[in-house]
Each structure stands twice: as C-alpha cells, then as structure tokens.
C-alpha cells in the first residue's frame, strides 16, 4: 500500500466532495442533506488553511480521505479549541487509514496553538465513536433529537481531547 498524508490542495476538491457527498446521500454522519459542488470545497480548503490544518490521505496519488480542524466557537477565548472532522472513502473504511489520518491531524494541532480538539458525532455511529476513543477522546456531551434526517430524529455526542 502506497499511503501518503499531506496538506490538501485545491486540486483535491473534486475527490473530497465525492467522498463527502456519499455521506450526505447515504448516511447520517453529516447533517447536510443536499450534495455539494466542487466550488464549495475549493472555498473551504482555502478558508480553513488560513488558520488550521486540512489534510488528505492518498493511495497511489488518489485521495481516499480527508481531515481538518476548524474554529469550534468564534469568541476569542475559544481560540485554542478546534472542532475536528474526518471522512474516509467508504471502500477504505476499517483498514486503519482513518486512524493514521486522524493521528496526523491531531499531531499538527499544537502547531496552530490548538490545545483542545472536539469531535461531534451523530449517534449512533459505532465506528466513529470507537475511533475517537482509541485516539484518547472522552465523551463529554450528548444532545438528543438535535438533527432530523431520513425521517428520523438524531442525537449528537461530543468527544474531547487535549492535544498538548
């Protein structure tokens, strides 16, 4: 396996949106309900990379997953806390790539003066919950019936980890 983790580039936007749109249409992992276009992720990559890491994992130069951090809250006192996001091509799930990519993202956060990482997970999502806990995150919140998708109410949990 020729796996590489690197910073996202604008040329990765098409592959990233293809991965993400799968989760919009097929899962409750995201609360977006309408597939997005390439331009959405072009803007997102540019915007995020100004202040946070945005990484992709590739296999033989093909993007098979991505992870990034964003501001958790816009108020100044929260500037050392980031929300993390990770999505892996569904064909690649379960082979350890997500763990490698998420580790790389978490390792880069102190370079951006981030002390605390927060991951929001639609519940139930056993794979994501296990991934976060394997990486040392602790569940700190559970909000009931905060999302409605596919004709069902969904809960969201928050997991937190200090990265410094």
N, C-alpha and C. Protein backbone atom coordinates (compact mmCIF):
# COMPACT_ATOMS: atom_id res chain seq x y z
N UNK A 1 0.84 -1.17 0.00
CA UNK A 1 0.00 0.00 0.00
C UNK A 1 0.89 1.24 0.00
N UNK A 2 0.65 2.14 -0.92
CA UNK A 2 1.41 3.38 -1.01
C UNK A 2 0.56 4.52 -0.46
N UNK A 3 0.59 4.68 0.86
CA UNK A 3 -0.24 5.67 1.54
C UNK A 3 0.60 6.90 1.86
N UNK A 4 0.03 8.08 1.59
CA UNK A 4 0.69 9.33 1.93
C UNK A 4 -0.32 10.27 2.55
N UNK A 5 0.10 11.00 3.57
CA UNK A 5 -0.74 12.04 4.18
C UNK A 5 -0.05 13.37 3.90
N UNK A 6 -0.81 14.30 3.38
CA UNK A 6 -0.25 15.61 3.02
C UNK A 6 -1.31 16.69 3.19
N UNK A 7 -0.89 17.94 3.06
CA UNK A 7 -1.83 19.05 3.10
C UNK A 7 -2.75 19.00 1.89
N UNK A 8 -4.00 19.33 2.09
CA UNK A 8 -4.95 19.39 0.98
C UNK A 8 -4.55 20.51 0.03
N UNK A 9 -4.82 20.28 -1.23
CA UNK A 9 -4.59 21.28 -2.27
C UNK A 9 -5.93 21.53 -2.97
N UNK A 10 -6.03 22.65 -3.64
CA UNK A 10 -7.27 22.96 -4.34
C UNK A 10 -7.60 21.88 -5.37
N UNK A 11 -6.60 21.26 -5.94
CA UNK A 11 -6.84 20.21 -6.93
C UNK A 11 -7.47 18.96 -6.32
N UNK A 12 -7.54 18.88 -5.00
CA UNK A 12 -8.17 17.74 -4.31
C UNK A 12 -9.67 17.92 -4.13
N UNK A 13 -10.19 19.08 -4.47
CA UNK A 13 -11.59 19.41 -4.16
C UNK A 13 -12.58 18.41 -4.78
N UNK A 14 -12.36 17.98 -5.99
CA UNK A 14 -13.29 17.05 -6.64
C UNK A 14 -13.35 15.73 -5.89
N UNK A 15 -12.20 15.19 -5.54
CA UNK A 15 -12.17 13.92 -4.80
C UNK A 15 -12.79 14.07 -3.42
N UNK A 16 -12.52 15.19 -2.76
CA UNK A 16 -13.06 15.43 -1.42
C UNK A 16 -14.58 15.52 -1.47
N UNK A 17 -15.12 16.27 -2.43
CA UNK A 17 -16.57 16.42 -2.50
C UNK A 17 -17.24 15.09 -2.88
N UNK A 18 -16.58 14.27 -3.66
CA UNK A 18 -17.13 12.95 -3.98
C UNK A 18 -17.26 12.10 -2.73
N UNK A 19 -16.23 12.11 -1.89
CA UNK A 19 -16.28 11.36 -0.62
C UNK A 19 -17.39 11.90 0.26
N UNK A 20 -17.43 13.22 0.43
CA UNK A 20 -18.40 13.82 1.32
C UNK A 20 -19.83 13.61 0.84
N UNK A 21 -20.06 13.75 -0.46
CA UNK A 21 -21.41 13.59 -0.99
C UNK A 21 -21.94 12.18 -0.74
N UNK A 22 -21.08 11.19 -0.71
CA UNK A 22 -21.53 9.84 -0.36
C UNK A 22 -22.19 9.86 1.02
N UNK A 23 -21.54 10.52 1.97
CA UNK A 23 -22.06 10.55 3.34
C UNK A 23 -23.33 11.40 3.44
N UNK A 24 -23.46 12.42 2.60
CA UNK A 24 -24.69 13.21 2.59
C UNK A 24 -25.86 12.33 2.16
N UNK A 25 -25.67 11.58 1.10
CA UNK A 25 -26.75 10.81 0.49
C UNK A 25 -27.02 9.49 1.21
N UNK A 26 -25.98 8.88 1.76
CA UNK A 26 -26.09 7.51 2.26
C UNK A 26 -26.05 7.35 3.79
N UNK A 27 -25.79 8.41 4.53
CA UNK A 27 -25.60 8.22 5.96
C UNK A 27 -26.08 9.41 6.77
N UNK A 28 -26.07 9.23 8.06
CA UNK A 28 -26.39 10.33 8.98
C UNK A 28 -25.14 10.93 9.60
N UNK A 29 -23.97 10.57 9.08
CA UNK A 29 -22.72 11.10 9.62
C UNK A 29 -22.63 12.62 9.48
N UNK A 30 -23.30 13.16 8.49
CA UNK A 30 -23.38 14.60 8.32
C UNK A 30 -24.84 15.01 8.30
N UNK A 31 -25.12 16.20 8.74
CA UNK A 31 -26.49 16.70 8.69
C UNK A 31 -26.77 17.50 7.43
N UNK A 32 -25.78 17.62 6.53
CA UNK A 32 -26.09 18.16 5.21
C UNK A 32 -27.04 17.18 4.54
N UNK A 33 -27.96 17.70 3.75
CA UNK A 33 -28.95 16.83 3.11
C UNK A 33 -28.93 16.91 1.58
N UNK A 34 -28.23 17.89 1.03
CA UNK A 34 -28.15 18.07 -0.41
C UNK A 34 -26.69 17.99 -0.84
N UNK A 35 -26.37 17.16 -1.84
CA UNK A 35 -24.98 17.07 -2.31
C UNK A 35 -24.42 18.45 -2.66
N UNK A 36 -23.13 18.59 -2.43
CA UNK A 36 -22.43 19.86 -2.65
C UNK A 36 -21.61 19.78 -3.94
N UNK A 37 -21.22 20.94 -4.43
CA UNK A 37 -20.38 21.01 -5.63
C UNK A 37 -18.92 21.22 -5.28
N UNK A 38 -18.09 21.06 -6.28
CA UNK A 38 -16.64 21.22 -6.13
C UNK A 38 -16.28 22.60 -5.58
N UNK A 39 -17.00 23.63 -6.03
CA UNK A 39 -16.68 25.00 -5.60
C UNK A 39 -16.81 25.17 -4.09
N UNK A 40 -17.75 24.46 -3.49
CA UNK A 40 -17.90 24.52 -2.03
C UNK A 40 -16.59 24.13 -1.35
N UNK A 41 -15.99 23.02 -1.80
CA UNK A 41 -14.76 22.57 -1.16
C UNK A 41 -13.54 23.36 -1.60
N UNK A 42 -13.57 23.96 -2.77
CA UNK A 42 -12.48 24.87 -3.14
C UNK A 42 -12.42 26.03 -2.14
N UNK A 43 -13.58 26.61 -1.86
CA UNK A 43 -13.63 27.71 -0.89
C UNK A 43 -13.26 27.23 0.50
N UNK A 44 -13.75 26.05 0.87
CA UNK A 44 -13.49 25.51 2.20
C UNK A 44 -11.99 25.25 2.42
N UNK A 45 -11.34 24.64 1.46
CA UNK A 45 -9.90 24.38 1.57
C UNK A 45 -9.14 25.68 1.77
N UNK A 46 -9.43 26.68 0.93
CA UNK A 46 -8.76 27.98 1.04
C UNK A 46 -9.00 28.60 2.42
N UNK A 47 -10.24 28.60 2.85
CA UNK A 47 -10.60 29.24 4.10
C UNK A 47 -9.96 28.55 5.30
N UNK A 48 -10.08 27.24 5.37
CA UNK A 48 -9.55 26.50 6.52
C UNK A 48 -8.04 26.62 6.62
N UNK A 49 -7.35 26.51 5.49
CA UNK A 49 -5.89 26.51 5.51
C UNK A 49 -5.28 27.83 5.96
N UNK A 50 -6.09 28.88 6.06
CA UNK A 50 -5.58 30.15 6.58
C UNK A 50 -5.21 30.04 8.05
N UNK A 51 -5.95 29.20 8.81
CA UNK A 51 -5.76 29.14 10.26
C UNK A 51 -5.65 27.75 10.85
N UNK A 52 -5.93 26.71 10.06
CA UNK A 52 -6.00 25.35 10.59
C UNK A 52 -5.44 24.35 9.57
N UNK A 53 -5.15 23.15 10.03
CA UNK A 53 -4.72 22.12 9.09
C UNK A 53 -5.88 21.50 8.32
N UNK A 54 -5.63 21.17 7.08
CA UNK A 54 -6.57 20.43 6.23
C UNK A 54 -5.72 19.39 5.51
N UNK A 55 -5.89 18.13 5.88
CA UNK A 55 -5.05 17.06 5.37
C UNK A 55 -5.85 16.10 4.49
N UNK A 56 -5.16 15.47 3.55
CA UNK A 56 -5.74 14.38 2.78
C UNK A 56 -4.83 13.17 2.92
N UNK A 57 -5.44 12.00 2.77
CA UNK A 57 -4.67 10.76 2.70
C UNK A 57 -4.87 10.23 1.28
N UNK A 58 -3.75 9.83 0.66
CA UNK A 58 -3.81 9.32 -0.70
C UNK A 58 -3.26 7.91 -0.76
N UNK A 59 -3.76 7.17 -1.72
CA UNK A 59 -3.21 5.86 -2.05
C UNK A 59 -2.91 5.89 -3.55
N UNK A 60 -1.66 5.73 -3.89
CA UNK A 60 -1.24 5.84 -5.29
C UNK A 60 -1.74 7.15 -5.90
N UNK A 61 -1.57 8.24 -5.16
CA UNK A 61 -1.92 9.60 -5.56
C UNK A 61 -3.43 9.86 -5.69
N UNK A 62 -4.27 8.93 -5.28
CA UNK A 62 -5.72 9.13 -5.29
C UNK A 62 -6.17 9.46 -3.87
N UNK A 63 -6.90 10.57 -3.70
CA UNK A 63 -7.41 10.97 -2.39
C UNK A 63 -8.46 9.95 -1.95
N UNK A 64 -8.22 9.37 -0.76
CA UNK A 64 -9.15 8.37 -0.21
C UNK A 64 -9.70 8.79 1.15
N UNK A 65 -9.37 9.98 1.57
CA UNK A 65 -9.90 10.50 2.82
C UNK A 65 -9.35 11.89 3.10
N UNK A 66 -10.00 12.57 4.04
CA UNK A 66 -9.53 13.90 4.42
C UNK A 66 -9.93 14.18 5.86
N UNK A 67 -9.20 15.10 6.45
CA UNK A 67 -9.47 15.53 7.83
C UNK A 67 -9.05 16.98 7.96
N UNK A 68 -9.78 17.71 8.77
CA UNK A 68 -9.42 19.10 9.00
C UNK A 68 -9.91 19.54 10.37
N UNK A 69 -9.42 20.69 10.77
CA UNK A 69 -9.87 21.33 12.00
C UNK A 69 -10.44 22.69 11.64
N UNK A 70 -11.40 23.12 12.43
CA UNK A 70 -11.99 24.45 12.25
C UNK A 70 -12.23 25.05 13.63
N UNK A 71 -12.57 26.32 13.62
CA UNK A 71 -12.89 27.00 14.86
C UNK A 71 -14.11 26.35 15.50
N UNK A 72 -14.01 26.05 16.78
CA UNK A 72 -15.14 25.46 17.47
C UNK A 72 -16.17 26.52 17.84
N UNK A 73 -15.69 27.70 18.17
CA UNK A 73 -16.56 28.82 18.53
C UNK A 73 -15.81 30.10 18.17
N UNK A 74 -16.51 31.10 17.67
CA UNK A 74 -15.84 32.30 17.18
C UNK A 74 -15.38 33.26 18.28
N UNK A 75 -15.85 33.10 19.50
CA UNK A 75 -15.44 34.00 20.57
C UNK A 75 -13.95 33.82 20.87
N UNK A 76 -13.29 34.92 21.16
CA UNK A 76 -11.83 34.96 21.30
C UNK A 76 -11.28 33.96 22.32
N UNK A 77 -11.96 33.77 23.42
CA UNK A 77 -11.45 32.89 24.46
C UNK A 77 -11.39 31.42 24.03
N UNK A 78 -12.09 31.08 22.94
CA UNK A 78 -12.09 29.70 22.44
C UNK A 78 -11.00 29.46 21.39
N UNK A 79 -10.12 30.41 21.17
CA UNK A 79 -9.19 30.33 20.05
C UNK A 79 -8.24 29.13 20.12
N UNK A 80 -8.11 28.50 21.27
CA UNK A 80 -7.21 27.33 21.40
C UNK A 80 -7.97 26.01 21.34
N UNK A 81 -9.23 26.07 20.92
CA UNK A 81 -10.06 24.87 20.79
C UNK A 81 -10.52 24.76 19.34
N UNK A 82 -10.42 23.55 18.79
CA UNK A 82 -10.83 23.33 17.40
C UNK A 82 -11.76 22.12 17.31
N UNK A 83 -12.68 22.20 16.37
CA UNK A 83 -13.52 21.05 16.05
C UNK A 83 -12.85 20.29 14.92
N UNK A 84 -12.80 18.98 15.04
CA UNK A 84 -12.14 18.14 14.05
C UNK A 84 -13.18 17.40 13.21
N UNK A 85 -12.80 17.15 11.97
CA UNK A 85 -13.66 16.45 11.02
C UNK A 85 -12.82 15.46 10.23
N UNK A 86 -13.36 14.27 10.01
CA UNK A 86 -12.68 13.26 9.21
C UNK A 86 -13.70 12.46 8.41
N UNK A 87 -13.37 12.23 7.15
CA UNK A 87 -14.19 11.38 6.28
C UNK A 87 -13.25 10.52 5.44
N UNK A 88 -13.58 9.25 5.34
CA UNK A 88 -12.79 8.29 4.58
C UNK A 88 -13.68 7.70 3.49
N UNK A 89 -13.11 7.48 2.31
CA UNK A 89 -13.83 6.79 1.25
C UNK A 89 -14.42 5.51 1.84
N UNK A 90 -15.72 5.29 1.67
CA UNK A 90 -16.35 4.13 2.33
C UNK A 90 -15.70 2.79 1.95
N UNK A 91 -15.10 2.71 0.80
CA UNK A 91 -14.42 1.47 0.40
C UNK A 91 -13.20 1.22 1.28
N UNK A 92 -12.63 2.27 1.84
CA UNK A 92 -11.40 2.19 2.63
C UNK A 92 -11.65 2.05 4.13
N UNK A 93 -12.90 2.11 4.55
CA UNK A 93 -13.18 2.08 5.99
C UNK A 93 -12.78 0.75 6.61
N UNK A 94 -12.24 0.82 7.82
CA UNK A 94 -11.91 -0.37 8.58
C UNK A 94 -10.52 -0.90 8.36
N UNK A 95 -9.70 -0.20 7.58
CA UNK A 95 -8.34 -0.70 7.34
C UNK A 95 -7.25 0.12 8.01
N UNK A 96 -7.61 0.98 8.95
CA UNK A 96 -6.63 1.73 9.71
C UNK A 96 -6.23 3.07 9.12
N UNK A 97 -6.72 3.39 7.94
CA UNK A 97 -6.35 4.66 7.30
C UNK A 97 -6.90 5.84 8.08
N UNK A 98 -8.12 5.72 8.57
CA UNK A 98 -8.70 6.81 9.36
C UNK A 98 -7.89 7.09 10.62
N UNK A 99 -7.43 6.03 11.27
CA UNK A 99 -6.61 6.18 12.47
C UNK A 99 -5.31 6.93 12.14
N UNK A 100 -4.66 6.55 11.07
CA UNK A 100 -3.41 7.22 10.67
C UNK A 100 -3.65 8.69 10.33
N UNK A 101 -4.71 8.94 9.58
CA UNK A 101 -5.01 10.31 9.17
C UNK A 101 -5.38 11.17 10.38
N UNK A 102 -6.22 10.64 11.26
CA UNK A 102 -6.65 11.42 12.43
C UNK A 102 -5.46 11.68 13.35
N UNK A 103 -4.58 10.70 13.52
CA UNK A 103 -3.36 10.91 14.31
C UNK A 103 -2.53 12.05 13.73
N UNK A 104 -2.40 12.08 12.41
CA UNK A 104 -1.64 13.16 11.76
C UNK A 104 -2.28 14.52 12.03
N UNK A 105 -3.61 14.57 11.93
CA UNK A 105 -4.31 15.82 12.18
C UNK A 105 -4.09 16.27 13.63
N UNK A 106 -4.31 15.37 14.57
CA UNK A 106 -4.14 15.72 15.99
C UNK A 106 -2.71 16.14 16.30
N UNK A 107 -1.74 15.49 15.70
CA UNK A 107 -0.33 15.85 15.92
C UNK A 107 0.00 17.24 15.40
N UNK A 108 -0.73 17.68 14.38
CA UNK A 108 -0.45 19.00 13.80
C UNK A 108 -1.11 20.14 14.57
N UNK A 109 -2.11 19.86 15.38
CA UNK A 109 -2.87 20.93 16.03
C UNK A 109 -2.03 21.84 16.93
N UNK A 110 -1.07 21.32 17.72
CA UNK A 110 -0.27 22.24 18.53
C UNK A 110 0.49 23.28 17.69
N UNK A 111 0.79 22.97 16.44
CA UNK A 111 1.46 23.94 15.56
C UNK A 111 0.58 25.14 15.26
N UNK A 112 -0.71 24.97 15.48
CA UNK A 112 -1.69 26.04 15.26
C UNK A 112 -2.19 26.61 16.59
N UNK A 113 -1.45 26.33 17.67
CA UNK A 113 -1.80 26.79 19.02
C UNK A 113 -3.12 26.23 19.51
N UNK A 114 -3.48 25.06 19.03
CA UNK A 114 -4.69 24.39 19.49
C UNK A 114 -4.32 23.47 20.65
N UNK A 115 -5.08 23.58 21.73
CA UNK A 115 -4.86 22.77 22.93
C UNK A 115 -5.91 21.67 23.05
N UNK A 116 -7.13 21.97 22.62
CA UNK A 116 -8.24 21.04 22.79
C UNK A 116 -8.90 20.76 21.44
N UNK A 117 -9.11 19.48 21.17
CA UNK A 117 -9.83 19.05 19.97
C UNK A 117 -11.19 18.52 20.38
N UNK A 118 -12.21 18.87 19.60
CA UNK A 118 -13.57 18.41 19.87
C UNK A 118 -14.11 17.76 18.60
N UNK A 119 -14.66 16.57 18.76
CA UNK A 119 -15.28 15.87 17.64
C UNK A 119 -16.76 15.68 17.91
N UNK A 120 -17.58 16.10 16.98
CA UNK A 120 -19.02 15.89 17.08
C UNK A 120 -19.41 14.67 16.25
N UNK A 121 -20.19 13.78 16.84
CA UNK A 121 -20.54 12.53 16.17
C UNK A 121 -22.05 12.32 16.25
N UNK A 122 -22.66 12.03 15.11
CA UNK A 122 -24.06 11.61 15.12
C UNK A 122 -24.14 10.26 15.80
N UNK A 123 -25.07 10.14 16.73
CA UNK A 123 -25.22 8.89 17.47
C UNK A 123 -26.49 8.20 17.00
N UNK A 124 -26.42 6.93 16.65
CA UNK A 124 -25.27 6.04 16.80
C UNK A 124 -24.33 6.10 15.59
N UNK A 125 -23.05 5.94 15.85
CA UNK A 125 -22.02 5.78 14.83
C UNK A 125 -20.87 5.06 15.53
N UNK A 126 -21.02 3.78 15.69
CA UNK A 126 -20.09 2.98 16.48
C UNK A 126 -18.65 3.10 15.99
N UNK A 127 -18.45 3.12 14.67
CA UNK A 127 -17.09 3.19 14.14
C UNK A 127 -16.42 4.51 14.53
N UNK A 128 -17.14 5.61 14.40
CA UNK A 128 -16.56 6.91 14.75
C UNK A 128 -16.35 7.04 16.26
N UNK A 129 -17.30 6.54 17.03
CA UNK A 129 -17.15 6.57 18.49
C UNK A 129 -15.90 5.80 18.91
N UNK A 130 -15.71 4.61 18.35
CA UNK A 130 -14.54 3.79 18.69
C UNK A 130 -13.25 4.45 18.24
N UNK A 131 -13.26 5.06 17.06
CA UNK A 131 -12.07 5.76 16.57
C UNK A 131 -11.67 6.87 17.52
N UNK A 132 -12.62 7.70 17.91
CA UNK A 132 -12.32 8.80 18.82
C UNK A 132 -11.79 8.28 20.16
N UNK A 133 -12.41 7.26 20.69
CA UNK A 133 -11.97 6.72 21.98
C UNK A 133 -10.60 6.06 21.87
N UNK A 134 -10.33 5.41 20.76
CA UNK A 134 -9.00 4.81 20.54
C UNK A 134 -7.91 5.88 20.52
N UNK A 135 -8.27 7.07 20.06
CA UNK A 135 -7.33 8.18 19.99
C UNK A 135 -7.26 8.98 21.29
N UNK A 136 -7.99 8.55 22.31
CA UNK A 136 -7.90 9.21 23.61
C UNK A 136 -8.95 10.27 23.86
N UNK A 137 -9.93 10.39 22.98
CA UNK A 137 -11.03 11.32 23.22
C UNK A 137 -11.94 10.75 24.30
N UNK A 138 -12.60 11.64 25.02
CA UNK A 138 -13.56 11.26 26.05
C UNK A 138 -14.90 11.90 25.71
N UNK A 139 -15.96 11.12 25.82
CA UNK A 139 -17.29 11.67 25.56
C UNK A 139 -17.64 12.65 26.68
N UNK A 140 -18.04 13.86 26.28
CA UNK A 140 -18.33 14.90 27.26
C UNK A 140 -19.74 15.48 27.15
N UNK A 141 -20.46 15.13 26.08
CA UNK A 141 -21.82 15.68 25.92
C UNK A 141 -22.64 14.77 25.02
N UNK A 142 -23.94 14.82 25.25
CA UNK A 142 -24.89 14.07 24.43
C UNK A 142 -26.15 14.91 24.29
N UNK A 143 -26.44 15.33 23.05
CA UNK A 143 -27.62 16.14 22.77
C UNK A 143 -28.64 15.27 22.04
N UNK A 144 -29.84 15.22 22.56
CA UNK A 144 -30.88 14.35 21.99
C UNK A 144 -31.75 15.11 20.99
N UNK A 145 -32.08 14.41 19.90
CA UNK A 145 -33.01 14.91 18.89
C UNK A 145 -32.65 16.30 18.36
N UNK A 146 -31.39 16.49 18.02
CA UNK A 146 -30.97 17.80 17.52
C UNK A 146 -30.88 17.86 16.00
N UNK A 147 -30.97 16.72 15.34
CA UNK A 147 -30.96 16.68 13.88
C UNK A 147 -32.10 15.81 13.37
N UNK A 148 -32.58 16.14 12.18
CA UNK A 148 -33.64 15.35 11.57
C UNK A 148 -33.24 15.06 10.14
N UNK A 149 -33.00 13.79 9.84
CA UNK A 149 -32.57 13.37 8.51
C UNK A 149 -33.10 11.97 8.25
N UNK A 150 -33.47 11.72 7.01
CA UNK A 150 -34.01 10.41 6.63
C UNK A 150 -35.21 10.03 7.50
N UNK A 151 -36.06 11.02 7.77
CA UNK A 151 -37.30 10.81 8.53
C UNK A 151 -37.07 10.27 9.94
N UNK A 152 -35.97 10.67 10.54
CA UNK A 152 -35.71 10.25 11.92
C UNK A 152 -34.98 11.35 12.68
N UNK A 153 -35.25 11.41 13.98
CA UNK A 153 -34.53 12.32 14.87
C UNK A 153 -33.21 11.69 15.23
N UNK A 154 -32.17 12.51 15.29
CA UNK A 154 -30.82 12.03 15.55
C UNK A 154 -30.19 12.77 16.71
N UNK A 155 -29.39 12.04 17.47
CA UNK A 155 -28.64 12.61 18.58
C UNK A 155 -27.23 12.95 18.10
N UNK A 156 -26.58 13.84 18.83
CA UNK A 156 -25.18 14.18 18.57
C UNK A 156 -24.44 14.13 19.89
N UNK A 157 -23.29 13.47 19.87
CA UNK A 157 -22.41 13.44 21.02
C UNK A 157 -21.15 14.23 20.71
N UNK A 158 -20.53 14.74 21.75
CA UNK A 158 -19.25 15.44 21.60
C UNK A 158 -18.18 14.72 22.39
N UNK A 159 -17.04 14.52 21.72
CA UNK A 159 -15.86 13.90 22.34
C UNK A 159 -14.77 14.95 22.36
N UNK A 160 -13.97 14.94 23.42
CA UNK A 160 -12.95 15.98 23.63
C UNK A 160 -11.61 15.33 23.97
N UNK A 161 -10.54 15.98 23.51
CA UNK A 161 -9.18 15.52 23.81
C UNK A 161 -8.25 16.71 23.89
N UNK A 162 -7.41 16.73 24.90
CA UNK A 162 -6.34 17.73 24.96
C UNK A 162 -5.18 17.20 24.12
N UNK A 163 -4.67 18.05 23.24
CA UNK A 163 -3.61 17.62 22.33
C UNK A 163 -2.23 18.11 22.76
N UNK A 164 -2.19 18.91 23.80
CA UNK A 164 -0.90 19.37 24.34
C UNK A 164 -0.78 18.85 25.75
